[in-house]
Protein backbone atom coordinates (compact mmCIF):
# COMPACT_ATOMS: atom_id res chain seq x y z
CA MET A 1 -64.99 -18.34 10.18
CA ILE A 2 -61.83 -16.70 11.51
CA ASN A 3 -61.11 -17.26 15.17
CA PRO A 4 -60.42 -13.79 16.61
CA SER A 5 -58.17 -15.26 19.30
CA ARG A 6 -55.76 -16.66 16.78
CA ILE A 7 -55.07 -15.09 13.43
CA SER A 8 -52.69 -16.91 11.14
CA ILE A 9 -50.98 -14.96 8.44
CA ALA A 10 -50.38 -16.73 5.15
CA ILE A 11 -47.70 -15.13 3.09
CA ILE A 12 -47.86 -16.30 -0.48
CA VAL A 13 -44.83 -15.99 -2.67
CA LEU A 14 -45.81 -16.24 -6.33
CA LEU A 15 -42.97 -16.40 -8.82
CA ILE A 16 -44.38 -14.74 -11.92
CA PHE A 17 -42.67 -15.96 -15.06
CA ASN A 18 -40.71 -13.20 -16.75
CA ALA A 19 -42.41 -10.44 -14.78
CA CYS A 20 -39.52 -8.61 -13.19
CA ALA A 21 -39.79 -4.84 -12.86
CA THR A 22 -37.97 -1.93 -11.27
CA TYR A 23 -39.85 0.84 -9.55
CA ASN A 24 -38.44 4.25 -8.61
CA PRO A 25 -39.96 5.94 -5.56
CA GLN A 26 -41.52 9.34 -6.27
CA TYR A 27 -41.17 10.84 -2.80
CA LYS A 28 -37.51 11.81 -2.70
CA ASN A 29 -38.07 15.49 -1.93
CA LYS A 30 -41.15 15.12 0.24
CA ASN A 31 -41.36 14.86 3.98
CA PHE A 32 -43.71 12.37 5.57
CA GLU A 33 -44.52 11.79 9.19
CA THR A 34 -44.16 8.13 10.04
CA GLN A 35 -46.65 6.70 12.48
CA VAL A 36 -45.55 3.37 13.93
CA PRO A 37 -48.23 1.24 15.62
CA ASP A 38 -47.64 0.77 19.32
CA LYS A 39 -47.37 -3.01 19.00
CA GLU A 40 -44.61 -5.55 19.29
CA LEU A 41 -43.21 -6.66 15.95
CA ALA A 42 -44.09 -10.32 15.43
CA HIS A 43 -41.76 -11.06 12.53
CA SER A 44 -39.75 -9.30 9.82
CA PHE A 45 -39.44 -10.41 6.20
CA TYR A 46 -36.72 -9.34 3.78
CA PHE A 47 -37.25 -10.00 0.07
CA ILE A 48 -34.93 -9.74 -2.91
CA GLY A 49 -35.35 -11.17 -6.38
CA ASP A 50 -33.68 -11.19 -9.77
CA ALA A 51 -30.36 -10.97 -7.92
CA GLY A 52 -28.39 -13.59 -9.82
CA ASN A 53 -26.46 -11.36 -12.20
CA SER A 54 -23.39 -10.31 -10.19
CA PRO A 55 -20.32 -9.50 -12.30
CA SER A 56 -17.38 -11.88 -12.21
CA GLY A 57 -15.40 -11.33 -9.01
CA GLY A 58 -17.88 -8.82 -7.61
CA SER A 59 -21.38 -8.21 -6.33
CA THR A 60 -24.17 -5.71 -7.01
CA ASP A 61 -25.32 -2.60 -5.16
CA ALA A 62 -28.60 -4.35 -4.38
CA LEU A 63 -26.86 -7.30 -2.74
CA VAL A 64 -24.57 -5.03 -0.73
CA ALA A 65 -27.60 -3.13 0.56
CA PHE A 66 -29.43 -6.39 1.27
CA LYS A 67 -26.46 -7.76 3.22
CA ASN A 68 -26.32 -4.59 5.34
CA ALA A 69 -30.04 -4.84 6.05
CA LEU A 70 -29.76 -8.50 7.09
CA LYS A 71 -26.84 -7.69 9.36
CA GLU A 72 -29.12 -5.38 11.36
CA ALA A 73 -32.19 -7.64 11.23
CA PRO A 74 -33.66 -9.07 14.44
CA GLU A 75 -33.49 -12.79 15.11
CA ASN A 76 -37.19 -13.26 14.34
CA SER A 77 -36.63 -12.51 10.66
CA THR A 78 -36.86 -14.36 7.37
CA ALA A 79 -34.95 -13.55 4.18
CA ILE A 80 -36.37 -14.81 0.89
CA PHE A 81 -34.55 -14.85 -2.44
CA LEU A 82 -37.39 -14.75 -4.94
CA GLY A 83 -35.84 -16.42 -7.96
CA ASP A 84 -33.66 -15.82 -11.00
CA ASN A 85 -30.83 -16.72 -8.68
CA ILE A 86 -28.44 -17.50 -11.53
CA TYR A 87 -28.37 -15.81 -14.94
CA GLU A 88 -28.69 -16.86 -17.63
CA LYS A 89 -29.66 -20.50 -17.31
CA GLY A 90 -29.42 -21.62 -13.70
CA LEU A 91 -26.64 -23.85 -12.38
CA PRO A 92 -25.05 -25.94 -15.16
CA LYS A 93 -22.87 -29.02 -14.81
CA LYS A 94 -19.37 -28.54 -13.39
CA THR A 95 -17.92 -29.28 -16.82
CA ASP A 96 -19.84 -26.38 -18.39
CA GLU A 97 -17.80 -23.31 -19.35
CA ASN A 98 -20.25 -21.08 -17.45
CA TYR A 99 -20.17 -23.08 -14.22
CA ASP A 100 -17.66 -20.90 -12.34
CA LEU A 101 -19.53 -17.67 -13.12
CA SER A 102 -22.87 -19.28 -12.29
CA LYS A 103 -21.51 -20.54 -8.98
CA HIS A 104 -20.12 -17.08 -8.19
CA ARG A 105 -23.50 -15.47 -8.84
CA LEU A 106 -25.15 -17.84 -6.40
CA ASN A 107 -22.38 -17.40 -3.83
CA ALA A 108 -22.78 -13.62 -3.98
CA GLN A 109 -26.33 -14.06 -2.69
CA LEU A 110 -25.47 -16.72 -0.13
CA GLU A 111 -22.79 -14.46 1.34
CA THR A 112 -25.39 -11.81 2.20
CA THR A 113 -26.63 -14.15 4.93
CA ASN A 114 -23.25 -14.59 6.65
CA ASP A 115 -24.12 -12.19 9.51
CA PHE A 116 -27.87 -12.82 9.42
CA ASN A 117 -29.41 -14.25 12.59
CA GLY A 118 -32.69 -15.24 10.96
CA GLN A 119 -33.67 -17.93 8.45
CA ALA A 120 -33.10 -17.68 4.70
CA TYR A 121 -34.90 -19.42 1.83
CA PHE A 122 -34.22 -19.59 -1.90
CA ILE A 123 -36.96 -20.04 -4.50
CA PRO A 124 -36.36 -20.85 -8.19
CA GLY A 125 -37.28 -18.42 -10.95
CA ASN A 126 -37.70 -18.88 -14.67
CA HIS A 127 -33.97 -18.41 -15.36
CA ASP A 128 -33.23 -21.17 -12.87
CA TRP A 129 -35.69 -23.41 -14.71
CA TYR A 130 -33.75 -22.95 -17.95
CA SER A 131 -31.33 -25.61 -16.69
CA GLY A 132 -34.22 -28.06 -16.30
CA VAL A 133 -35.20 -30.15 -13.31
CA LYS A 134 -31.65 -31.48 -13.01
CA GLY A 135 -30.33 -27.94 -12.84
CA LEU A 136 -32.86 -27.05 -10.15
CA LYS A 137 -31.75 -30.03 -8.10
CA ARG A 138 -28.10 -29.03 -8.52
CA GLN A 139 -28.93 -25.56 -7.25
CA GLU A 140 -31.01 -26.98 -4.40
CA GLU A 141 -28.14 -29.21 -3.31
CA TYR A 142 -25.69 -26.28 -3.49
CA VAL A 143 -27.90 -23.93 -1.46
CA GLU A 144 -28.73 -26.53 1.17
CA LYS A 145 -25.06 -27.39 1.59
CA ALA A 146 -24.51 -23.73 2.51
CA LEU A 147 -27.68 -22.92 4.47
CA GLY A 148 -28.97 -26.28 5.67
CA LYS A 149 -31.78 -28.64 4.75
CA ASN A 150 -35.09 -27.30 3.41
CA THR A 151 -33.73 -23.87 2.48
CA PHE A 152 -34.38 -24.23 -1.26
CA LEU A 153 -38.13 -24.49 -1.78
CA PRO A 154 -40.21 -25.99 -3.23
CA GLU A 155 -37.97 -29.05 -3.31
CA ASN A 156 -37.25 -31.27 -6.32
CA GLY A 157 -38.83 -28.89 -8.82
CA CYS A 158 -42.25 -29.36 -7.22
CA PRO A 159 -44.93 -26.65 -7.16
CA ILE A 160 -45.77 -25.78 -3.56
CA GLU A 161 -44.43 -25.93 -0.03
CA LYS A 162 -45.65 -24.71 3.35
CA VAL A 163 -43.29 -23.52 6.06
CA SER A 164 -44.38 -22.64 9.58
CA ILE A 165 -42.52 -19.45 10.42
CA ALA A 166 -44.09 -18.83 13.82
CA ARG A 167 -47.19 -19.92 15.72
CA ASP A 168 -49.46 -17.60 13.74
CA ILE A 169 -47.42 -17.19 10.56
CA ASP A 170 -47.33 -19.65 7.67
CA LEU A 171 -45.25 -19.18 4.55
CA ILE A 172 -46.84 -20.72 1.46
CA ILE A 173 -44.31 -20.86 -1.36
CA VAL A 174 -45.62 -21.38 -4.89
CA ASP A 175 -43.40 -21.88 -7.91
CA SER A 176 -45.59 -20.63 -10.74
CA ALA A 177 -42.98 -21.66 -13.33
CA TRP A 178 -43.96 -25.26 -12.59
CA TYR A 179 -47.58 -24.44 -13.41
CA ILE A 180 -47.03 -22.56 -16.65
CA SER A 181 -44.12 -24.59 -18.03
CA ASN A 182 -44.49 -26.83 -21.05
CA TRP A 183 -44.18 -30.16 -19.31
CA ASP A 184 -43.30 -31.88 -22.58
CA GLN A 185 -39.95 -30.08 -22.31
CA HIS A 186 -39.47 -31.45 -18.77
CA PRO A 187 -40.58 -35.11 -18.94
CA THR A 188 -39.31 -35.86 -15.41
CA ILE A 189 -40.81 -32.73 -13.84
CA ASN A 190 -43.15 -34.56 -11.46
CA ASP A 191 -41.21 -37.74 -10.79
CA ASP A 192 -40.31 -36.70 -7.23
CA CYS A 193 -43.48 -34.74 -6.45
CA ASP A 194 -46.62 -35.79 -4.60
CA ILE A 195 -48.57 -33.31 -6.73
CA LYS A 196 -48.47 -34.39 -10.36
CA THR A 197 -51.30 -32.43 -12.00
CA ARG A 198 -52.33 -28.79 -12.14
CA ALA A 199 -55.75 -29.71 -10.76
CA ALA A 200 -54.16 -31.36 -7.73
CA PHE A 201 -52.00 -28.27 -7.22
CA LEU A 202 -55.04 -25.98 -7.17
CA ASP A 203 -56.74 -28.24 -4.64
CA GLU A 204 -53.67 -28.24 -2.40
CA PHE A 205 -53.22 -24.48 -2.73
CA GLY A 206 -56.82 -23.83 -1.71
CA SER A 207 -56.55 -26.26 1.18
CA LEU A 208 -53.40 -24.62 2.56
CA ILE A 209 -55.00 -21.18 2.38
CA LYS A 210 -58.02 -22.40 4.35
CA LYS A 211 -55.87 -24.10 6.97
CA ALA A 212 -53.79 -20.96 7.44
CA ARG A 213 -56.76 -18.79 8.39
């Protein structure tokens, strides 16, 4: 039963494997009257995904727009990078011929937070998983060196993480690539995780949802 005096909001970020899409708004030439509720804004969220394909030496229009939005964002804001942070195969070893370009594509996203007063988080996508668990950990280390500890989630290639954003707002981050991956291709996938089976993940997911009510 939900306590009417305290409503917690659980925001679930599901990374759907290979399910990126672009949608064009159909209201360009229409006028709409905007009605804003007469309530104080509790928190703002800014989302961007599939942003890891910046050209060498440059950025993308989407990242420029995102940076401008974050610059104007209030302090009680959260920015979330939803995955596919580095095309084509995540962050390789430093000796790899694609390392410099891969690093640039990640830096282009990190730089959008330079004038952001809120908190930013990165989540891995399927392209980030193409470098394996070791590649995920390399990317995690790189992001956390720039943004601070616990800014690349879930950690260690694990499936789920909860972050308390505010008193009544919980962020539940789920990496669905962990769930649907062929674990035979990633034999060390669960070595550093408390949750080591899909059944245990479903139990934990359900438990976090109930606790966040």
